[in-house]
Amino acid sequence: MRDPYEVLGVRKGASKEEIKKAYLELVKKYHPDKFKDNPLRELAEEKLKEINEAYNILMNDQYSNYEYSTYDPTSLYQKVRDLIMQDNIAQAENLLNQNPRNDAEWFYLMGIIYQKRGWINQAYRYFIEAYNRDPGNYEYRRAKEQFEMASRNYEWSAYNRGYRRHNDCDICTICQIIACWECCCDNDIGC
């Protein structure tokens, strides 16, 4: 989660009244009832969870003890990116796992790590999660779309080479099944 003051849109050191006022405005703005039958409903629910968490932290005076005051996630992510560029994948993964932030950037970097290892399905899942958490980010969207395009190209080339998925059923397949069945039944093998 980001800095709770930033989430609520108030300055650091804001009074409890200012925090409460900002909180109530944001709750009205992102309340799920305003997004019924709207594709943005899930995003609004996520935003509302983040708002509630930030409000609880600030109102319960937990912020001074909270990790945001001493931790800068951008430096962690830059270090992980540097390690990935140096092909030090194991150390990059260890660093991410020691600091699980579960924000979009964390999922994106884990996707890159798994992609470099060749674990394509897991990498794709991480890229999808990064995109879902921050759909406006070009980098996350591009990674997700590249995987989807590669998957479509792979399926198309396999189909053109005569390999078909198990759920493909056409007239030729049906005729082959009938011919095999008739051969088995005519020879008293299977009937």
Protein backbone atom coordinates (compact mmCIF):
# COMPACT_ATOMS: atom_id res chain seq x y z
CA MET A 1 0.00 0.00 0.00
CA ARG A 2 1.09 3.56 -0.68
CA ASP A 3 1.61 6.29 1.88
CA PRO A 4 -1.75 6.66 3.70
CA TYR A 5 -1.62 10.47 3.47
CA GLU A 6 -1.18 10.16 -0.28
CA VAL A 7 -4.07 7.68 -0.53
CA LEU A 8 -6.42 10.08 1.24
CA GLY A 9 -5.05 13.12 -0.59
CA VAL A 10 -4.09 15.08 2.52
CA ARG A 11 -0.80 16.64 3.57
CA LYS A 12 1.47 14.87 6.04
CA GLY A 13 0.60 15.85 9.57
CA ALA A 14 -3.01 16.71 8.68
CA SER A 15 -5.43 16.97 11.59
CA LYS A 16 -7.88 14.18 12.39
CA GLU A 17 -10.71 16.41 11.15
CA GLU A 18 -8.99 16.93 7.77
CA ILE A 19 -8.34 13.20 7.50
CA LYS A 20 -11.96 12.37 8.32
CA LYS A 21 -13.29 14.93 5.83
CA ALA A 22 -11.06 13.59 3.02
CA TYR A 23 -12.02 10.03 3.94
CA LEU A 24 -15.77 10.72 3.76
CA GLU A 25 -15.41 12.45 0.38
CA LEU A 26 -13.45 9.52 -1.06
CA VAL A 27 -15.89 6.96 0.35
CA LYS A 28 -18.75 8.78 -1.39
CA LYS A 29 -16.75 8.96 -4.62
CA TYR A 30 -15.71 5.27 -4.72
CA HIS A 31 -18.65 3.59 -3.00
CA PRO A 32 -19.51 0.34 -4.87
CA ASP A 33 -23.21 1.26 -5.04
CA LYS A 34 -22.29 4.04 -7.47
CA PHE A 35 -20.74 1.45 -9.79
CA LYS A 36 -23.54 -1.12 -10.08
CA ASP A 37 -23.42 -2.98 -13.40
CA ASN A 38 -20.27 -1.07 -14.28
CA PRO A 39 -16.99 -2.71 -15.31
CA LEU A 40 -15.18 -0.31 -12.97
CA ARG A 41 -16.89 -1.79 -9.91
CA GLU A 42 -13.96 -4.03 -8.99
CA LEU A 43 -11.50 -1.15 -9.28
CA ALA A 44 -13.72 0.99 -7.07
CA GLU A 45 -13.88 -1.78 -4.47
CA GLU A 46 -10.07 -2.10 -4.47
CA LYS A 47 -9.70 1.66 -4.14
CA LEU A 48 -12.20 1.71 -1.27
CA LYS A 49 -10.25 -1.02 0.56
CA GLU A 50 -7.08 1.04 0.19
CA ILE A 51 -8.90 4.17 1.44
CA ASN A 52 -10.29 2.32 4.48
CA GLU A 53 -6.88 0.89 5.34
CA ALA A 54 -5.21 4.31 5.06
CA TYR A 55 -7.93 5.90 7.21
CA ASN A 56 -7.59 3.24 9.91
CA ILE A 57 -3.81 3.64 10.00
CA LEU A 58 -3.95 7.41 10.34
CA MET A 59 -6.86 7.54 12.79
CA ASN A 60 -5.30 4.92 15.07
CA ASP A 61 -1.95 6.75 15.13
CA GLN A 62 -0.20 3.75 13.62
CA TYR A 63 1.54 5.73 10.92
CA SER A 64 4.58 6.65 12.97
CA ASN A 65 5.29 2.95 13.46
CA TYR A 66 4.25 1.97 9.97
CA GLU A 67 6.69 0.93 7.28
CA TYR A 68 6.01 3.93 5.04
CA SER A 69 7.96 6.29 7.25
CA THR A 70 11.25 4.45 6.74
CA TYR A 71 10.75 2.48 3.53
CA ASP A 72 10.97 3.66 -0.04
CA PRO A 73 9.54 1.03 -2.41
CA THR A 74 10.93 2.75 -5.49
CA SER A 75 14.52 2.11 -4.37
CA LEU A 76 13.69 -1.57 -3.77
CA TYR A 77 12.15 -1.90 -7.21
CA GLN A 78 15.06 -0.12 -8.86
CA LYS A 79 17.48 -2.49 -7.14
CA VAL A 80 15.42 -5.49 -8.32
CA ARG A 81 15.39 -4.12 -11.89
CA ASP A 82 19.17 -3.67 -11.74
CA LEU A 83 19.62 -7.26 -10.54
CA ILE A 84 17.39 -8.53 -13.35
CA MET A 85 19.41 -6.56 -15.92
CA GLN A 86 22.56 -8.19 -14.50
CA ASP A 87 20.88 -11.62 -14.86
CA ASN A 88 21.03 -12.10 -11.11
CA ILE A 89 17.53 -13.57 -11.07
CA ALA A 90 17.80 -15.53 -7.80
CA GLN A 91 18.90 -12.48 -5.82
CA ALA A 92 16.20 -10.33 -7.44
CA GLU A 93 13.53 -12.87 -6.48
CA ASN A 94 14.87 -13.15 -2.92
CA LEU A 95 14.77 -9.39 -2.53
CA LEU A 96 11.16 -9.25 -3.76
CA ASN A 97 10.10 -12.14 -1.53
CA GLN A 98 11.67 -10.49 1.52
CA ASN A 99 9.63 -7.35 0.86
CA PRO A 100 6.23 -8.52 -0.40
CA ARG A 101 4.34 -5.34 -1.24
CA ASN A 102 1.67 -6.94 -3.40
CA ASP A 103 1.31 -3.85 -5.55
CA ALA A 104 1.33 -3.78 -9.34
CA GLU A 105 5.08 -3.21 -9.67
CA TRP A 106 5.84 -6.17 -7.38
CA PHE A 107 3.72 -8.48 -9.55
CA TYR A 108 5.25 -7.10 -12.75
CA LEU A 109 8.81 -7.70 -11.55
CA MET A 110 7.92 -11.22 -10.41
CA GLY A 111 6.52 -11.79 -13.90
CA ILE A 112 9.82 -10.74 -15.44
CA ILE A 113 11.72 -13.07 -13.10
CA TYR A 114 9.54 -16.04 -13.99
CA GLN A 115 9.72 -15.19 -17.68
CA LYS A 116 13.52 -15.15 -17.52
CA ARG A 117 13.42 -18.58 -15.88
CA GLY A 118 11.19 -19.87 -18.66
CA TRP A 119 8.18 -20.42 -16.40
CA ILE A 120 5.81 -18.84 -18.88
CA ASN A 121 2.43 -19.68 -17.31
CA GLN A 122 3.42 -18.28 -13.92
CA ALA A 123 4.97 -15.20 -15.55
CA TYR A 124 1.74 -14.57 -17.46
CA ARG A 125 -0.29 -14.83 -14.24
CA TYR A 126 1.94 -12.21 -12.59
CA PHE A 127 1.67 -9.90 -15.62
CA ILE A 128 -2.12 -10.21 -15.57
CA GLU A 129 -2.20 -9.37 -11.85
CA ALA A 130 0.07 -6.35 -12.38
CA TYR A 131 -2.17 -5.14 -15.20
CA ASN A 132 -5.34 -5.69 -13.14
CA ARG A 133 -3.92 -3.65 -10.26
CA ASP A 134 -2.82 -0.78 -12.53
CA PRO A 135 -4.54 -0.99 -15.95
CA GLY A 136 -3.32 2.46 -16.93
CA ASN A 137 0.35 1.47 -16.80
CA TYR A 138 1.72 1.05 -20.31
CA GLU A 139 4.53 -1.30 -19.26
CA TYR A 140 2.16 -3.75 -17.54
CA ARG A 141 -0.36 -3.64 -20.39
CA ARG A 142 2.37 -4.22 -22.97
CA ALA A 143 3.76 -7.26 -21.11
CA LYS A 144 0.28 -8.79 -20.83
CA GLU A 145 -0.54 -8.12 -24.49
CA GLN A 146 2.78 -9.55 -25.70
CA PHE A 147 2.05 -12.79 -23.89
CA GLU A 148 -1.46 -12.94 -25.31
CA MET A 149 -0.21 -12.28 -28.85
CA ALA A 150 2.52 -14.92 -28.52
CA SER A 151 -0.08 -17.40 -27.28
CA ARG A 152 -2.39 -16.70 -30.23
CA ASN A 153 0.51 -17.00 -32.69
CA TYR A 154 1.54 -20.31 -31.16
CA GLU A 155 -2.00 -21.71 -31.39
CA TRP A 156 -2.37 -20.51 -34.99
CA SER A 157 0.95 -22.01 -36.11
CA ALA A 158 0.11 -25.31 -34.39
CA TYR A 159 -3.27 -25.39 -36.11
CA ASN A 160 -1.69 -24.71 -39.51
CA ARG A 161 0.76 -27.58 -38.98
CA GLY A 162 -2.06 -30.03 -38.45
CA TYR A 163 -1.99 -30.05 -34.66
CA ARG A 164 -5.36 -29.37 -33.19
CA ARG A 165 -6.60 -28.85 -29.71
CA HIS A 166 -8.55 -31.68 -28.15
CA ASN A 167 -11.82 -29.78 -28.28
CA ASP A 168 -11.66 -29.24 -32.06
CA CYS A 169 -14.32 -31.32 -33.76
CA ASP A 170 -14.94 -31.13 -37.48
CA ILE A 171 -16.56 -33.38 -40.08
CA CYS A 172 -13.27 -35.18 -40.85
CA THR A 173 -12.79 -36.12 -37.20
CA ILE A 174 -16.35 -37.42 -37.00
CA CYS A 175 -15.88 -39.51 -40.17
CA GLN A 176 -12.65 -40.97 -38.79
CA ILE A 177 -14.37 -41.97 -35.57
CA ILE A 178 -17.25 -43.60 -37.46
CA ALA A 179 -14.84 -45.48 -39.77
CA CYS A 180 -12.83 -46.80 -36.81
CA TRP A 181 -15.99 -47.82 -35.00
CA GLU A 182 -17.30 -49.68 -38.04
CA CYS A 183 -13.96 -51.50 -38.49
CA CYS A 184 -14.02 -52.64 -34.89
CA CYS A 185 -17.64 -53.76 -35.05
CA ASP A 186 -17.25 -55.54 -38.44
CA ASN A 187 -14.36 -57.61 -37.10
CA ASP A 188 -16.21 -58.45 -33.87
CA ILE A 189 -13.42 -56.82 -31.89
CA GLY A 190 -15.29 -54.22 -29.92
CA CYS A 191 -18.99 -54.95 -30.24
